[in-house]
């Protein structure tokens, strides 16, 4: 259960996510979509923006790093470039960790608890080799914040063998650096039908094993001989650790969000019990509550795996879109009828 415990000398704690990924991976879109999705499930959620380059994010922001520092201020005051200023801002946040804790206490106490999502900058140094973000997360987890890293990578990279290997290496490095429960995600999978014919099925990329098969495509490049040993060494490194695998994500798809959320909840041990309804316990409320419970690690949504994802967003996307529209129509009619019965 996600319960807030505040007593004299004790700080709040919560379950949540640390959202990471390179620029363009869709972190802000994901945070916005996850906020809407959790709100629809009646799961209280608070987003904490840790990106000083985005002082006004599109999602409802409970806590914003711009309250104490912005990227523009750091650049102007210290004569730094964008990259140096970003590192400075995160180091500044680490030095002002007490401010973050106080703000978290305020937000969680005011709302009676809740689920937290930390939106981080896209600068890869912050979660690959710079230690400030890691130390911030470690201190939060020592305060019984139960967090999982959600690392996003653009699914388009599966169309190029060299790019995909670099994505896998980056994910591996993030896992080793942050040392916390970790979910790797191929985002924007709903664009799969626009990628053309892939050399392997989607499952090959989500499992990220036997990457040696990609060496054939790399060796076809103009500098293949020069880079052959390096490419082989990188593939062997990934195989040696055998840690990286990917979930898939289409932010606007309910089924996709549900599957990913369940994996995150399993990683943190989160179980959400929906609040009791005050509207008389109609069938609509039972449907909402059951759906909310199935969205956590306590439930399962059978019959949906990576093969279904490939079929849904691949060549049969148009057929699935039509089926989905019909399902939405029937669900709307059921809810309308249920509402009339309660009246």
Protein backbone atom coordinates (compact mmCIF):
# COMPACT_ATOMS: atom_id res chain seq x y z
CA UNK A 1 0.00 0.00 0.00
CA UNK A 2 1.08 3.55 -0.66
CA UNK A 3 0.64 5.11 2.78
CA UNK A 4 2.13 8.32 4.03
CA UNK A 5 3.74 8.25 7.43
CA UNK A 6 4.56 11.63 8.89
CA UNK A 7 5.47 12.03 12.50
CA UNK A 8 7.81 14.18 14.53
CA UNK A 9 11.25 14.00 13.00
CA UNK A 10 10.12 11.62 10.23
CA UNK A 11 9.78 12.50 6.58
CA UNK A 12 7.27 11.34 4.03
CA UNK A 13 7.90 8.42 1.70
CA UNK A 14 6.26 7.22 -1.49
CA UNK A 15 6.41 4.82 -4.38
CA UNK A 16 7.35 6.21 -7.76
CA UNK A 17 9.43 6.42 -10.92
CA UNK A 18 12.64 8.09 -12.03
CA UNK A 19 12.18 8.79 -15.74
CA UNK A 20 15.42 8.88 -17.74
CA UNK A 21 16.44 8.74 -21.38
CA UNK A 22 18.27 10.70 -24.07
CA UNK A 23 16.79 13.79 -25.78
CA UNK A 24 13.86 12.96 -28.01
CA UNK A 25 13.00 9.71 -26.24
CA UNK A 26 9.63 11.11 -25.14
CA UNK A 27 10.17 11.63 -21.40
CA UNK A 28 7.96 14.71 -21.10
CA UNK A 29 5.22 13.12 -23.21
CA UNK A 30 5.45 10.00 -21.07
CA UNK A 31 5.18 11.93 -17.80
CA UNK A 32 2.18 13.85 -19.11
CA UNK A 33 0.51 10.66 -20.35
CA UNK A 34 1.25 8.74 -17.16
CA UNK A 35 -0.23 11.57 -15.09
CA UNK A 36 -3.45 11.41 -17.09
CA UNK A 37 -3.54 7.62 -16.99
CA UNK A 38 -3.01 7.35 -13.22
CA UNK A 39 -5.51 10.12 -12.58
CA UNK A 40 -8.09 8.21 -14.62
CA UNK A 41 -7.39 5.18 -12.41
CA UNK A 42 -7.90 7.38 -9.33
CA UNK A 43 -4.29 6.86 -8.28
CA UNK A 44 -2.98 10.09 -6.71
CA UNK A 45 0.17 11.17 -8.57
CA UNK A 46 2.65 14.06 -8.29
CA UNK A 47 5.22 14.93 -10.96
CA UNK A 48 8.52 16.48 -9.93
CA UNK A 49 10.31 18.29 -12.74
CA UNK A 50 14.09 18.04 -12.32
CA UNK A 51 14.89 19.53 -15.75
CA UNK A 52 16.09 23.13 -15.30
CA UNK A 53 15.90 23.69 -19.06
CA UNK A 54 12.10 23.25 -19.00
CA UNK A 55 10.74 25.66 -16.37
CA UNK A 56 7.16 25.29 -17.68
CA UNK A 57 6.46 21.65 -18.55
CA UNK A 58 3.12 20.72 -20.18
CA UNK A 59 2.02 18.46 -17.31
CA UNK A 60 0.73 19.51 -13.85
CA UNK A 61 3.92 20.03 -11.89
CA UNK A 62 3.84 19.52 -8.11
CA UNK A 63 7.51 20.45 -7.59
CA UNK A 64 9.77 22.24 -10.05
CA UNK A 65 13.56 22.61 -9.86
CA UNK A 66 13.10 26.07 -11.40
CA UNK A 67 11.90 27.17 -7.95
CA UNK A 68 15.57 27.27 -6.94
CA UNK A 69 17.58 27.30 -10.18
CA UNK A 70 17.13 27.41 -13.95
CA UNK A 71 19.47 26.60 -16.79
CA UNK A 72 19.45 30.17 -18.10
CA UNK A 73 20.34 31.55 -14.67
CA UNK A 74 23.26 29.14 -14.32
CA UNK A 75 24.57 29.99 -17.78
CA UNK A 76 24.32 33.74 -17.23
CA UNK A 77 25.72 33.81 -13.69
CA UNK A 78 28.62 31.42 -14.18
CA UNK A 79 29.40 31.84 -17.88
CA UNK A 80 28.70 28.19 -18.60
CA UNK A 81 27.53 26.47 -21.76
CA UNK A 82 24.31 24.42 -21.78
CA UNK A 83 26.00 21.14 -20.80
CA UNK A 84 28.09 22.63 -18.00
CA UNK A 85 25.12 24.59 -16.72
CA UNK A 86 22.98 21.44 -16.63
CA UNK A 87 25.55 19.64 -14.50
CA UNK A 88 25.79 22.68 -12.24
CA UNK A 89 22.01 22.72 -11.72
CA UNK A 90 21.88 19.07 -10.70
CA UNK A 91 24.85 19.54 -8.38
CA UNK A 92 23.04 22.57 -6.93
CA UNK A 93 19.97 20.42 -6.33
CA UNK A 94 22.13 17.84 -4.56
CA UNK A 95 23.54 20.54 -2.26
CA UNK A 96 19.98 21.72 -1.59
CA UNK A 97 18.61 18.23 -1.00
CA UNK A 98 16.85 19.45 2.15
CA UNK A 99 14.75 21.77 -0.02
CA UNK A 100 13.63 18.82 -2.15
CA UNK A 101 12.72 16.77 0.92
CA UNK A 102 10.76 19.66 2.44
CA UNK A 103 8.83 20.20 -0.77
CA UNK A 104 8.08 16.49 -1.06
CA UNK A 105 6.86 16.45 2.54
CA UNK A 106 4.60 19.43 1.82
CA UNK A 107 3.09 17.90 -1.31
CA UNK A 108 2.58 14.42 0.12
CA UNK A 109 1.22 15.66 3.44
CA UNK A 110 -1.20 18.02 1.72
CA UNK A 111 -2.55 15.27 -0.52
CA UNK A 112 -2.46 12.54 2.11
CA UNK A 113 0.16 10.56 0.22
CA UNK A 114 0.49 9.74 -3.43
CA UNK A 115 2.73 8.37 -6.16
CA UNK A 116 5.71 10.41 -7.42
CA UNK A 117 7.28 10.67 -10.88
CA UNK A 118 10.63 12.41 -11.30
CA UNK A 119 11.16 13.84 -14.79
CA UNK A 120 14.90 14.21 -15.46
CA UNK A 121 16.96 16.07 -18.10
CA UNK A 122 18.02 14.30 -21.27
CA UNK A 123 21.74 14.89 -20.78
CA UNK A 124 23.16 11.38 -20.67
CA UNK A 125 26.05 12.21 -18.32
CA UNK A 126 23.57 12.68 -15.50
CA UNK A 127 22.67 8.99 -15.39
CA UNK A 128 25.76 7.37 -16.92
CA UNK A 129 28.83 8.79 -15.19
CA UNK A 130 27.95 11.93 -13.17
CA UNK A 131 27.13 11.07 -9.56
CA UNK A 132 24.87 13.88 -8.31
CA UNK A 133 21.58 12.40 -9.57
CA UNK A 134 22.63 8.98 -8.33
CA UNK A 135 23.34 10.34 -4.84
CA UNK A 136 20.00 12.20 -4.77
CA UNK A 137 18.13 9.00 -5.61
CA UNK A 138 20.14 6.97 -3.09
CA UNK A 139 19.26 9.41 -0.30
CA UNK A 140 15.58 9.29 -1.23
CA UNK A 141 15.59 5.51 -1.24
CA UNK A 142 17.25 5.47 2.19
CA UNK A 143 14.23 7.51 3.29
CA UNK A 144 12.05 4.60 2.10
CA UNK A 145 11.10 6.06 -1.24
CA UNK A 146 10.57 2.97 -3.38
CA UNK A 147 11.57 4.04 -6.86
CA UNK A 148 12.17 2.34 -10.19
CA UNK A 149 14.06 3.87 -13.10
CA UNK A 150 12.04 4.01 -16.31
CA UNK A 151 14.58 4.44 -19.10
CA UNK A 152 13.08 5.49 -22.44
CA UNK A 153 14.67 4.96 -25.85
CA UNK A 154 13.10 5.86 -29.20
CA UNK A 155 11.94 2.65 -30.87
CA UNK A 156 13.05 4.02 -34.24
CA UNK A 157 16.60 2.98 -33.35
CA UNK A 158 15.71 -0.67 -33.98
CA UNK A 159 15.82 0.15 -37.71
CA UNK A 160 19.60 0.59 -37.60
CA UNK A 161 21.88 -2.08 -36.14
CA UNK A 162 24.61 0.30 -34.97
CA UNK A 163 22.12 2.67 -33.36
CA UNK A 164 20.34 -0.15 -31.58
CA UNK A 165 23.58 -1.48 -30.14
CA UNK A 166 24.39 2.01 -28.87
CA UNK A 167 20.93 2.20 -27.27
CA UNK A 168 21.49 -1.13 -25.52
CA UNK A 169 24.92 -0.01 -24.28
CA UNK A 170 23.45 3.24 -22.98
CA UNK A 171 20.70 1.37 -21.16
CA UNK A 172 23.26 -1.02 -19.68
CA UNK A 173 25.40 1.85 -18.47
CA UNK A 174 22.39 3.57 -16.88
CA UNK A 175 21.49 0.34 -15.05
CA UNK A 176 25.00 -0.03 -13.69
CA UNK A 177 25.26 3.63 -12.70
CA UNK A 178 21.93 4.09 -10.92
CA UNK A 179 21.85 0.66 -9.19
CA UNK A 180 18.08 0.58 -8.69
CA UNK A 181 15.10 -1.36 -10.08
CA UNK A 182 15.20 -0.59 -13.79
CA UNK A 183 12.70 -0.85 -16.65
CA UNK A 184 13.99 -0.19 -20.17
CA UNK A 185 11.37 0.97 -22.64
CA UNK A 186 11.17 1.32 -26.42
CA UNK A 187 8.93 4.37 -26.73
CA UNK A 188 6.85 5.53 -29.71
CA UNK A 189 6.17 1.91 -30.70
CA UNK A 190 2.92 3.10 -32.28
CA UNK A 191 5.07 4.31 -35.20
CA UNK A 192 6.27 0.76 -35.92
CA UNK A 193 4.25 0.53 -39.14
CA UNK A 194 6.24 3.44 -40.60
CA UNK A 195 9.63 1.76 -40.13
CA UNK A 196 9.38 -0.57 -43.10
CA UNK A 197 10.56 -4.18 -43.09
CA UNK A 198 12.80 -4.99 -40.13
CA UNK A 199 15.53 -7.67 -40.40
CA UNK A 200 14.18 -9.38 -37.24
CA UNK A 201 10.86 -9.52 -35.44
CA UNK A 202 10.16 -7.16 -32.57
CA UNK A 203 10.80 -9.83 -29.93
CA UNK A 204 14.43 -10.01 -31.03
CA UNK A 205 14.90 -6.34 -30.12
CA UNK A 206 12.94 -6.41 -26.86
CA UNK A 207 14.96 -9.35 -25.58
CA UNK A 208 18.22 -7.73 -26.79
CA UNK A 209 20.02 -11.06 -26.99
CA UNK A 210 22.11 -12.65 -29.69
CA UNK A 211 23.10 -9.21 -30.96
CA UNK A 212 25.85 -10.90 -32.92
CA UNK A 213 23.32 -11.32 -35.73
CA UNK A 214 23.40 -7.55 -36.17
CA UNK A 215 27.10 -7.67 -36.97
CA UNK A 216 26.30 -8.74 -40.53
CA UNK A 217 24.50 -5.47 -41.18
CA UNK A 218 27.28 -3.49 -39.52
CA UNK A 219 29.94 -5.20 -41.60
CA UNK A 220 28.17 -4.03 -44.75
CA UNK A 221 29.11 -0.41 -43.97
CA UNK A 222 31.92 1.52 -45.70
CA UNK A 223 34.15 1.46 -42.60
CA UNK A 224 33.32 -2.08 -41.61
CA UNK A 225 36.87 -3.44 -41.47
CA UNK A 226 38.10 -0.58 -39.33
CA UNK A 227 35.28 -0.91 -36.80
CA UNK A 228 34.83 -4.69 -36.90
CA UNK A 229 36.72 -5.46 -33.70
CA UNK A 230 35.03 -2.63 -31.80
CA UNK A 231 31.57 -3.71 -32.94
CA UNK A 232 32.23 -7.30 -31.93
CA UNK A 233 33.60 -6.21 -28.55
CA UNK A 234 30.47 -4.14 -27.83
CA UNK A 235 28.17 -7.02 -28.73
CA UNK A 236 30.17 -9.40 -26.53
CA UNK A 237 30.03 -6.91 -23.65
CA UNK A 238 26.24 -6.76 -23.79
CA UNK A 239 26.05 -10.55 -23.99
CA UNK A 240 28.39 -10.94 -21.03
CA UNK A 241 26.18 -8.90 -18.72
CA UNK A 242 22.90 -10.22 -20.17
CA UNK A 243 20.93 -7.58 -18.23
CA UNK A 244 19.16 -5.52 -20.85
CA UNK A 245 15.64 -6.14 -22.13
CA UNK A 246 12.92 -3.76 -23.25
CA UNK A 247 9.25 -3.16 -22.69
CA UNK A 248 7.30 -1.35 -25.41
CA UNK A 249 5.23 1.80 -25.08
CA UNK A 250 2.61 3.72 -27.02
CA UNK A 251 1.65 6.54 -24.65
CA UNK A 252 -1.80 7.10 -26.10
CA UNK A 253 -2.74 3.41 -25.96
CA UNK A 254 -4.46 2.25 -22.78
CA UNK A 255 -3.35 -1.38 -23.10
CA UNK A 256 0.27 -0.38 -23.63
CA UNK A 257 0.30 1.95 -20.63
CA UNK A 258 -1.38 -0.70 -18.49
CA UNK A 259 1.21 -3.33 -19.35
CA UNK A 260 4.13 -1.00 -18.64
CA UNK A 261 2.64 0.28 -15.39
CA UNK A 262 2.18 -3.25 -14.16
CA UNK A 263 5.87 -4.03 -14.79
CA UNK A 264 6.90 -0.89 -12.91
CA UNK A 265 4.65 -1.75 -9.98
CA UNK A 266 6.10 -5.26 -9.83
CA UNK A 267 9.59 -3.75 -9.68
CA UNK A 268 8.70 -1.54 -6.71
CA UNK A 269 6.18 -3.79 -4.97
CA UNK A 270 3.37 -1.27 -5.33
CA UNK A 271 -0.24 -2.39 -4.85
CA UNK A 272 -3.00 0.16 -5.22
CA UNK A 273 -6.41 -0.33 -3.61
CA UNK A 274 -8.92 2.10 -5.16
CA UNK A 275 -10.86 4.31 -2.72
CA UNK A 276 -14.34 3.20 -1.77
CA UNK A 277 -17.01 4.65 -4.01
CA UNK A 278 -19.66 6.97 -2.58
CA UNK A 279 -21.95 6.74 -5.59
CA UNK A 280 -23.80 3.61 -4.52
CA UNK A 281 -21.45 0.91 -5.82
CA UNK A 282 -22.83 0.72 -9.36
CA UNK A 283 -21.37 -1.49 -12.06
CA UNK A 284 -19.38 1.42 -13.46
CA UNK A 285 -17.59 1.80 -10.12
CA UNK A 286 -16.87 -1.94 -10.01
CA UNK A 287 -15.39 -1.75 -13.50
CA UNK A 288 -13.20 1.21 -12.57
CA UNK A 289 -12.00 -0.44 -9.35
CA UNK A 290 -11.22 -3.75 -11.03
CA UNK A 291 -9.34 -1.98 -13.80
CA UNK A 292 -7.35 0.04 -11.25
CA UNK A 293 -6.41 -3.14 -9.35
CA UNK A 294 -5.34 -4.89 -12.55
CA UNK A 295 -3.08 -1.93 -13.28
CA UNK A 296 -0.81 -2.91 -10.38
CA UNK A 297 1.49 -5.80 -9.62
CA UNK A 298 -1.42 -7.52 -7.88
CA UNK A 299 -3.17 -8.24 -11.17
CA UNK A 300 -2.45 -9.52 -14.62
CA UNK A 301 -3.75 -8.73 -18.07
CA UNK A 302 -3.53 -12.02 -19.98
CA UNK A 303 -3.18 -12.53 -23.70
CA UNK A 304 -0.95 -9.59 -24.52
CA UNK A 305 2.73 -10.03 -25.32
CA UNK A 306 5.35 -8.62 -27.66
CA UNK A 307 3.92 -10.57 -30.61
CA UNK A 308 0.58 -8.86 -30.04
CA UNK A 309 2.37 -5.52 -29.86
CA UNK A 310 4.05 -6.15 -33.20
CA UNK A 311 0.75 -7.15 -34.77
CA UNK A 312 -1.07 -4.19 -33.23
CA UNK A 313 1.36 -1.53 -34.42
CA UNK A 314 2.81 -3.23 -37.50
CA UNK A 315 1.22 -4.18 -40.78
CA UNK A 316 -2.22 -4.79 -39.22
CA UNK A 317 -2.39 -1.45 -37.46
CA UNK A 318 -5.39 -0.23 -39.49
CA UNK A 319 -7.41 -3.36 -38.62
CA UNK A 320 -6.60 -3.01 -34.93
CA UNK A 321 -7.51 0.68 -35.00
CA UNK A 322 -10.96 -0.24 -36.32
CA UNK A 323 -11.45 -2.94 -33.67
CA UNK A 324 -10.38 -0.52 -30.97
CA UNK A 325 -12.84 2.12 -32.13
CA UNK A 326 -15.64 -0.43 -31.90
CA UNK A 327 -14.56 -1.40 -28.39
CA UNK A 328 -14.54 2.25 -27.32
CA UNK A 329 -18.03 2.65 -28.73
CA UNK A 330 -19.35 -0.38 -26.84
CA UNK A 331 -17.65 0.70 -23.60
CA UNK A 332 -19.19 4.17 -23.93
CA UNK A 333 -22.63 2.60 -24.43
CA UNK A 334 -22.18 0.31 -21.40
CA UNK A 335 -21.19 3.22 -19.20
CA UNK A 336 -24.10 5.30 -20.46
CA UNK A 337 -26.57 2.48 -19.75
CA UNK A 338 -25.06 1.93 -16.29
CA UNK A 339 -25.42 5.63 -15.52
CA UNK A 340 -29.08 5.57 -16.55
CA UNK A 341 -29.75 2.55 -14.31
CA UNK A 342 -28.22 4.32 -11.29
CA UNK A 343 -30.36 7.40 -11.93
